[in-house]
C-alpha atoms as a PDB file:
ATOM      1  CA  MET A   1       0.000   0.000   0.000  1.00  0.00           C
ATOM      2  CA  ARG A   2       1.281   3.447  -0.869  1.00  0.00           C
ATOM      3  CA  LEU A   3       0.977   5.772   2.117  1.00  0.00           C
ATOM      4  CA  LYS A   4      -0.038   9.331   1.387  1.00  0.00           C
ATOM      5  CA  ALA A   5       1.835  12.268   2.839  1.00  0.00           C
ATOM      6  CA  ILE A   6      -0.181  14.214   5.399  1.00  0.00           C
ATOM      7  CA  PRO A   7      -0.615  17.241   3.038  1.00  0.00           C
ATOM      8  CA  GLU A   8      -2.191  14.938   0.416  1.00  0.00           C
ATOM      9  CA  LEU A   9      -5.076  13.862   2.643  1.00  0.00           C
ATOM     10  CA  THR A  10      -8.560  15.169   2.060  1.00  0.00           C
ATOM     11  CA  LEU A  11     -10.608  16.436   4.991  1.00  0.00           C
ATOM     12  CA  GLN A  12     -12.673  13.236   4.873  1.00  0.00           C
ATOM     13  CA  GLU A  13      -9.515  11.102   4.998  1.00  0.00           C
ATOM     14  CA  VAL A  14      -8.316  13.044   8.054  1.00  0.00           C
ATOM     15  CA  ILE A  15     -11.652  12.365   9.747  1.00  0.00           C
ATOM     16  CA  ASP A  16     -11.536   8.669   8.754  1.00  0.00           C
ATOM     17  CA  TYR A  17      -7.898   8.207   9.808  1.00  0.00           C
ATOM     18  CA  THR A  18      -8.566   9.866  13.158  1.00  0.00           C
ATOM     19  CA  ALA A  19     -11.399   7.390  13.771  1.00  0.00           C
ATOM     20  CA  ILE A  20      -9.190   4.447  12.752  1.00  0.00           C
ATOM     21  CA  TYR A  21      -6.446   5.546  15.140  1.00  0.00           C
ATOM     22  CA  LYS A  22      -8.939   5.971  17.983  1.00  0.00           C
ATOM     23  CA  ASP A  23     -10.254   2.466  17.277  1.00  0.00           C
ATOM     24  CA  LEU A  24      -6.698   1.070  17.439  1.00  0.00           C
ATOM     25  CA  MET A  25      -6.213   2.683  20.844  1.00  0.00           C
ATOM     26  CA  ASP A  26      -9.560   1.277  22.036  1.00  0.00           C
ATOM     27  CA  ARG A  27      -8.658  -2.225  20.792  1.00  0.00           C
ATOM     28  CA  PHE A  28      -5.009  -2.420  21.839  1.00  0.00           C
ATOM     29  CA  GLY A  29      -4.467   0.187  24.570  1.00  0.00           C
ATOM     30  CA  SER A  30      -1.841   2.898  24.564  1.00  0.00           C
ATOM     31  CA  PRO A  31       1.005   2.926  22.013  1.00  0.00           C
ATOM     32  CA  LYS A  32       3.450   1.915  24.784  1.00  0.00           C
ATOM     33  CA  GLU A  33       1.643  -1.455  25.027  1.00  0.00           C
ATOM     34  CA  TRP A  34       1.514  -2.226  21.310  1.00  0.00           C
ATOM     35  CA  GLY A  35       4.901  -3.890  20.865  1.00  0.00           C
ATOM     36  CA  LYS A  36       4.276  -6.946  23.032  1.00  0.00           C
ATOM     37  CA  LYS A  37       0.619  -7.270  22.048  1.00  0.00           C
ATOM     38  CA  LEU A  38       0.992  -6.931  18.302  1.00  0.00           C
ATOM     39  CA  PHE A  39       4.411  -8.135  17.155  1.00  0.00           C
ATOM     40  CA  GLU A  40       6.163 -11.511  17.149  1.00  0.00           C
ATOM     41  CA  GLU A  41       9.189  -9.887  15.532  1.00  0.00           C
ATOM     42  CA  TYR A  42      10.033  -6.240  15.043  1.00  0.00           C
ATOM     43  CA  THR A  43      13.021  -4.273  13.779  1.00  0.00           C
ATOM     44  CA  LEU A  44      13.494  -0.598  13.008  1.00  0.00           C
ATOM     45  CA  SER A  45      16.241   0.869  10.847  1.00  0.00           C
ATOM     46  CA  VAL A  46      16.531   4.641  10.856  1.00  0.00           C
ATOM     47  CA  GLY A  47      17.925   6.306   7.759  1.00  0.00           C
ATOM     48  CA  TYR A  48      18.052   9.823   6.445  1.00  0.00           C
ATOM     49  CA  GLY A  49      14.421  10.973   6.241  1.00  0.00           C
ATOM     50  CA  LYS A  50      12.908   7.533   6.692  1.00  0.00           C
ATOM     51  CA  HIS A  51      12.179   4.732   9.104  1.00  0.00           C
ATOM     52  CA  VAL A  52      12.194   1.162   7.783  1.00  0.00           C
ATOM     53  CA  TYR A  53      10.263  -1.455   9.750  1.00  0.00           C
ATOM     54  CA  ASN A  54      10.290  -5.236   9.357  1.00  0.00           C
ATOM     55  CA  GLY A  55       8.661  -7.885  11.465  1.00  0.00           C
ATOM     56  CA  LYS A  56       5.726 -10.194  11.957  1.00  0.00           C
ATOM     57  CA  ILE A  57       2.332  -9.305  13.416  1.00  0.00           C
ATOM     58  CA  LYS A  58       0.344 -11.495  15.828  1.00  0.00           C
ATOM     59  CA  VAL A  59      -3.108 -10.114  14.982  1.00  0.00           C
ATOM     60  CA  TYR A  60      -4.994  -9.153  11.846  1.00  0.00           C
ATOM     61  CA  LEU A  61      -4.330  -5.551  10.817  1.00  0.00           C
ATOM     62  CA  THR A  62      -4.781  -3.681   7.577  1.00  0.00           C
ATOM     63  CA  GLU A  63      -1.710  -2.063   6.055  1.00  0.00           C
ATOM     64  CA  LEU A  64      -3.086   1.368   6.972  1.00  0.00           C
ATOM     65  CA  GLU A  65      -3.616   0.307  10.594  1.00  0.00           C
ATOM     66  CA  LEU A  66      -0.112  -1.159  10.764  1.00  0.00           C
ATOM     67  CA  SER A  67       1.415   2.027   9.393  1.00  0.00           C
ATOM     68  CA  MET A  68      -0.452   4.050  12.033  1.00  0.00           C
ATOM     69  CA  ILE A  69       0.811   1.741  14.764  1.00  0.00           C
ATOM     70  CA  LEU A  70       4.395   1.952  13.533  1.00  0.00           C
ATOM     71  CA  ASP A  71       4.205   5.758  13.189  1.00  0.00           C
ATOM     72  CA  LYS A  72       2.132   6.175  16.377  1.00  0.00           C
ATOM     73  CA  GLY A  73      -0.325   8.225  14.363  1.00  0.00           C
ATOM     74  CA  TYR A  74      -0.404   9.501  10.840  1.00  0.00           C
ATOM     75  CA  SER A  75       1.730  12.594  10.514  1.00  0.00           C
ATOM     76  CA  HIS A  76       4.394  11.464   8.093  1.00  0.00           C
ATOM     77  CA  PHE A  77       5.389  12.324   4.549  1.00  0.00           C
ATOM     78  CA  GLY A  78       4.311   9.146   2.803  1.00  0.00           C
ATOM     79  CA  GLY A  79       5.868   5.751   2.325  1.00  0.00           C
ATOM     80  CA  SER A  80       4.731   2.205   1.749  1.00  0.00           C
ATOM     81  CA  CYS A  81       3.484  -0.719   3.800  1.00  0.00           C
ATOM     82  CA  THR A  82       3.095  -4.375   2.839  1.00  0.00           C
ATOM     83  CA  ILE A  83       1.793  -7.254   4.942  1.00  0.00           C
ATOM     84  CA  PHE A  84       2.511 -10.686   3.493  1.00  0.00           C
ATOM     85  CA  SER A  85       0.232 -13.724   3.837  1.00  0.00           C
ATOM     86  CA  ASP A  86       2.388 -15.204   6.638  1.00  0.00           C
ATOM     87  CA  GLY A  87       1.997 -12.048   8.760  1.00  0.00           C
ATOM     88  CA  LYS A  88       5.452 -10.677   8.005  1.00  0.00           C
ATOM     89  CA  PHE A  89       5.586  -7.026   7.032  1.00  0.00           C
ATOM     90  CA  HIS A  90       7.822  -4.390   5.517  1.00  0.00           C
ATOM     91  CA  ALA A  91       7.090  -0.696   5.881  1.00  0.00           C
ATOM     92  CA  THR A  92       8.968   2.440   4.943  1.00  0.00           C
ATOM     93  CA  ILE A  93       7.739   5.717   6.425  1.00  0.00           C
ATOM     94  CA  TYR A  94       9.204   9.014   5.254  1.00  0.00           C
ATOM     95  CA  THR A  95       9.818  11.378   8.119  1.00  0.00           C
ATOM     96  CA  ASP A  96      10.856  14.476   6.120  1.00  0.00           C
END
């Protein structure tokens, strides 16, 4: 999934994404609790202007939900997120 940069979002998408993030917090608790609850494996590589995540999720998530969890919101400058059929994922989130 291609992730849109925050300036690309329509007002309706902002409203929808805010509701999705609130639902994630209701389902899984605070972002501090997400690591142990959601991931079997998890790595983060920080590069110039981007964060690259790899791992394996324990629960069903959409690629948008996963990107919000990894970013702890949705205030980035785009990127991509892929979840494979075995639960492994790869996500790149542009930070500036």
